[in-house]
Protein backbone atom coordinates (compact mmCIF):
# COMPACT_ATOMS: atom_id res chain seq x y z
CA UNK A 1 0.04 0.12 -0.10
CA UNK A 2 3.05 2.37 0.47
CA UNK A 3 1.47 3.84 3.66
CA UNK A 4 4.17 6.62 4.08
CA UNK A 5 3.04 7.86 0.39
CA UNK A 6 -0.70 7.42 1.35
CA UNK A 7 -0.31 9.47 4.40
CA UNK A 8 0.71 12.60 2.42
CA UNK A 9 -2.49 12.39 0.38
CA UNK A 10 -6.09 13.34 1.24
CA UNK A 11 -8.76 10.77 1.25
CA UNK A 12 -10.20 12.25 -1.88
CA UNK A 13 -6.75 11.87 -3.73
CA UNK A 14 -6.62 8.15 -2.56
CA UNK A 15 -10.01 7.28 -3.70
CA UNK A 16 -9.91 9.58 -6.81
CA UNK A 17 -13.13 11.41 -5.89
CA UNK A 18 -14.02 14.75 -3.92
CA UNK A 19 -12.83 15.15 -0.51
CA UNK A 20 -16.27 16.48 0.42
CA UNK A 21 -17.98 13.04 -0.37
CA UNK A 22 -15.76 11.36 1.97
CA UNK A 23 -16.10 13.98 4.71
CA UNK A 24 -19.86 13.55 4.42
CA UNK A 25 -20.21 9.80 4.31
CA UNK A 26 -16.96 8.45 6.01
CA UNK A 27 -15.99 11.31 8.41
CA UNK A 28 -12.72 10.64 10.33
CA UNK A 29 -10.52 13.04 11.98
CA UNK A 30 -7.86 13.81 14.58
CA UNK A 31 -9.26 15.76 17.63
CA UNK A 32 -6.43 16.86 19.89
CA UNK A 33 -5.00 14.62 22.51
CA UNK A 34 -6.13 12.91 25.72
CA UNK A 35 -4.84 13.47 29.19
CA UNK A 36 -2.01 10.96 28.59
CA UNK A 37 -0.95 12.69 25.64
CA UNK A 38 -2.25 10.08 23.16
CA UNK A 39 -3.77 11.29 19.83
CA UNK A 40 -7.48 11.15 19.85
CA UNK A 41 -9.12 9.92 16.48
CA UNK A 42 -12.82 10.38 15.93
CA UNK A 43 -14.78 8.41 13.28
CA UNK A 44 -18.51 9.11 12.98
CA UNK A 45 -19.63 5.79 11.71
CA UNK A 46 -23.24 6.69 12.06
CA UNK A 47 -22.88 8.80 9.06
CA UNK A 48 -20.80 6.04 7.04
CA UNK A 49 -22.67 5.10 3.87
CA UNK A 50 -20.94 2.82 1.39
CA UNK A 51 -23.56 3.16 -1.42
CA UNK A 52 -23.01 6.87 -2.24
CA UNK A 53 -19.17 6.44 -1.97
CA UNK A 54 -18.98 3.20 -4.15
CA UNK A 55 -21.52 4.62 -6.77
CA UNK A 56 -18.79 7.04 -7.99
CA UNK A 57 -16.35 4.15 -8.23
CA UNK A 58 -14.64 3.94 -4.88
CA UNK A 59 -13.72 0.28 -3.92
CA UNK A 60 -13.38 -1.35 -0.60
CA UNK A 61 -9.60 -1.61 -1.42
CA UNK A 62 -9.44 2.26 -1.73
CA UNK A 63 -11.56 2.80 1.44
CA UNK A 64 -9.00 0.37 3.25
CA UNK A 65 -6.16 2.53 1.86
CA UNK A 66 -7.72 5.58 3.47
CA UNK A 67 -7.62 3.56 6.88
CA UNK A 68 -3.80 2.79 6.31
CA UNK A 69 -3.33 6.55 5.55
CA UNK A 70 -5.14 7.59 8.80
CA UNK A 71 -3.15 4.90 10.86
CA UNK A 72 0.19 6.22 9.42
CA UNK A 73 -0.81 9.83 10.17
CA UNK A 74 -1.74 8.61 13.88
CA UNK A 75 1.71 6.92 14.06
CA UNK A 76 3.46 10.14 13.12
CA UNK A 77 1.37 12.11 15.78
CA UNK A 78 2.55 9.40 18.32
CA UNK A 79 6.23 10.05 17.25
CA UNK A 80 5.83 13.78 17.42
CA UNK A 81 4.11 13.64 20.86
CA UNK A 82 6.93 11.34 22.19
CA UNK A 83 9.58 13.85 21.09
CA UNK A 84 7.57 16.76 22.50
CA UNK A 85 6.79 15.15 25.86
CA UNK A 86 10.01 13.28 26.31
CA UNK A 87 8.39 9.86 26.90
CA UNK A 88 6.90 7.15 24.78
CA UNK A 89 3.52 7.77 23.35
CA UNK A 90 2.93 4.66 21.20
CA UNK A 91 -0.80 4.47 20.81
CA UNK A 92 -4.05 6.33 20.27
CA UNK A 93 -7.40 6.74 21.73
CA UNK A 94 -9.99 5.88 19.01
CA UNK A 95 -13.57 6.89 19.25
CA UNK A 96 -16.37 5.72 16.87
CA UNK A 97 -19.85 7.55 17.10
CA UNK A 98 -22.46 5.29 15.74
CA UNK A 99 -25.35 7.72 16.33
CA UNK A 100 -27.54 7.75 13.27
CA UNK A 101 -26.29 4.35 12.01
CA UNK A 102 -28.34 2.70 9.25
CA UNK A 103 -28.51 -0.99 10.40
CA UNK A 104 -28.71 -2.05 6.84
CA UNK A 105 -25.28 -0.48 6.26
CA UNK A 106 -23.93 -3.54 8.46
CA UNK A 107 -25.52 -6.18 6.36
CA UNK A 108 -23.79 -5.53 3.01
CA UNK A 109 -20.78 -7.55 1.85
CA UNK A 110 -18.89 -4.35 1.69
CA UNK A 111 -19.14 -3.53 5.28
CA UNK A 112 -17.92 -7.03 6.24
CA UNK A 113 -14.96 -6.77 3.69
CA UNK A 114 -14.07 -3.45 5.07
CA UNK A 115 -14.23 -4.41 8.73
CA UNK A 116 -12.25 -7.48 8.27
CA UNK A 117 -9.93 -5.68 6.16
CA UNK A 118 -9.26 -3.15 8.90
CA UNK A 119 -8.73 -5.71 11.55
CA UNK A 120 -6.12 -7.46 9.08
CA UNK A 121 -4.23 -4.18 8.47
CA UNK A 122 -4.23 -3.31 12.17
CA UNK A 123 -3.24 -6.67 13.41
CA UNK A 124 -0.31 -7.16 10.82
CA UNK A 125 0.97 -3.58 10.86
CA UNK A 126 -0.37 -1.23 13.58
CA UNK A 127 -1.02 -3.97 16.23
CA UNK A 128 0.15 -1.72 19.26
CA UNK A 129 -1.31 1.52 17.89
CA UNK A 130 -4.68 0.97 19.53
CA UNK A 131 -4.67 2.22 23.13
CA UNK A 132 -8.28 2.16 23.60
CA UNK A 133 -11.46 1.93 21.42
CA UNK A 134 -14.73 3.53 22.58
CA UNK A 135 -17.87 3.01 20.73
CA UNK A 136 -20.48 5.53 21.43
CA UNK A 137 -24.28 5.54 21.05
CA UNK A 138 -24.22 1.91 20.05
CA UNK A 139 -27.69 0.35 18.92
CA UNK A 140 -28.22 -3.48 19.27
CA UNK A 141 -27.09 -4.01 15.67
CA UNK A 142 -23.64 -2.59 16.51
CA UNK A 143 -23.17 -5.34 19.33
CA UNK A 144 -24.15 -7.82 16.90
CA UNK A 145 -21.88 -6.68 14.11
CA UNK A 146 -18.89 -6.37 16.54
CA UNK A 147 -19.59 -9.89 17.87
CA UNK A 148 -19.54 -11.19 14.24
CA UNK A 149 -16.18 -9.75 13.33
CA UNK A 150 -14.39 -9.46 16.71
CA UNK A 151 -13.32 -13.09 16.44
CA UNK A 152 -10.52 -11.96 13.94
CA UNK A 153 -9.01 -9.66 16.58
CA UNK A 154 -6.51 -10.94 19.20
CA UNK A 155 -7.50 -11.01 22.71
CA UNK A 156 -5.27 -8.08 23.61
CA UNK A 157 -7.18 -5.80 21.07
CA UNK A 158 -10.66 -6.99 22.25
CA UNK A 159 -9.83 -6.14 25.75
CA UNK A 160 -9.19 -2.66 24.78
CA UNK A 161 -12.81 -2.16 23.27
CA UNK A 162 -15.64 -0.63 25.27
CA UNK A 163 -19.25 -0.20 23.77
CA UNK A 164 -21.63 2.23 25.31
CA UNK A 165 -25.22 3.17 24.66
CA UNK A 166 -26.58 6.64 25.44
CA UNK A 167 -24.71 9.75 26.21
CA UNK A 168 -25.21 9.42 29.96
CA UNK A 169 -22.94 6.33 29.82
CA UNK A 170 -20.03 7.63 27.71
CA UNK A 171 -19.80 11.30 28.45
CA UNK A 172 -18.38 10.85 31.94
CA UNK A 173 -15.75 8.39 30.50
CA UNK A 174 -14.63 10.92 27.77
CA UNK A 175 -14.26 13.57 30.25
CA UNK A 176 -12.10 11.31 32.45
CA UNK A 177 -9.87 10.57 29.63
CA UNK A 178 -9.75 13.98 27.83
CA UNK A 179 -9.58 17.46 28.86
CA UNK A 180 -12.86 19.48 27.91
CA UNK A 181 -10.83 21.98 25.71
CA UNK A 182 -9.65 19.10 23.66
CA UNK A 183 -13.25 17.77 22.88
CA UNK A 184 -15.89 19.40 20.72
CA UNK A 185 -19.12 20.58 22.21
CA UNK A 186 -21.02 17.73 20.78
CA UNK A 187 -19.01 15.45 23.02
CA UNK A 188 -19.38 17.36 26.20
CA UNK A 189 -16.14 19.71 25.83
CA UNK A 190 -15.49 23.17 24.84
CA UNK A 191 -13.21 22.84 22.01
CA UNK A 192 -13.94 23.08 18.23
CA UNK A 193 -14.38 20.18 16.03
CA UNK A 194 -11.52 19.81 13.60
CA UNK A 195 -12.19 19.22 9.93
CA UNK A 196 -11.47 15.62 8.90
CA UNK A 197 -8.31 16.28 7.02
CA UNK A 198 -6.82 18.36 9.60
CA UNK A 199 -3.88 17.06 11.42
CA UNK A 200 -3.43 18.99 14.96
CA UNK A 201 -0.08 19.98 16.18
CA UNK A 202 1.39 18.02 19.21
CA UNK A 203 0.79 20.03 22.41
């Protein structure tokens, strides 16, 4: 995949489509750092729609290349943070918001290929980059989908995944892990939401 090269491209350049299309239907962005200094990466999976993206010729392989690009950019942030803080920052806090998820989105062949592809990439190339994964606003379909694909993950990775329902269950956890100034207001903080392609500076 040449991940170092992919990390220098926008999602639209990787997929040969408009960046705005991916921002709308597959929004993923870096949102500051947690209290440990780890990069915080948000993905609003509730807005994910494979249909509109694949209608313009984007393949699952290209979407997986975007994931590899995001993972490489996160690894770079870890390196910058390690240098700035003078201690090892080797993994990230990943937050998936599933609010608004269309359950039919999880029943497609593309969704399973994508989920398994991500698991394979992470396990083979970014195994220790996942510090924690928080899945927010999860309907029952997310629990079933995760159960159906989690078997491909090593036990170490599965132990780092936490799934939450409503806001009252996940907001206290976010504020415990992340300073309010690093969180956008939609997630209980006082900071701005960063655009999906923006890479924040280490702080």
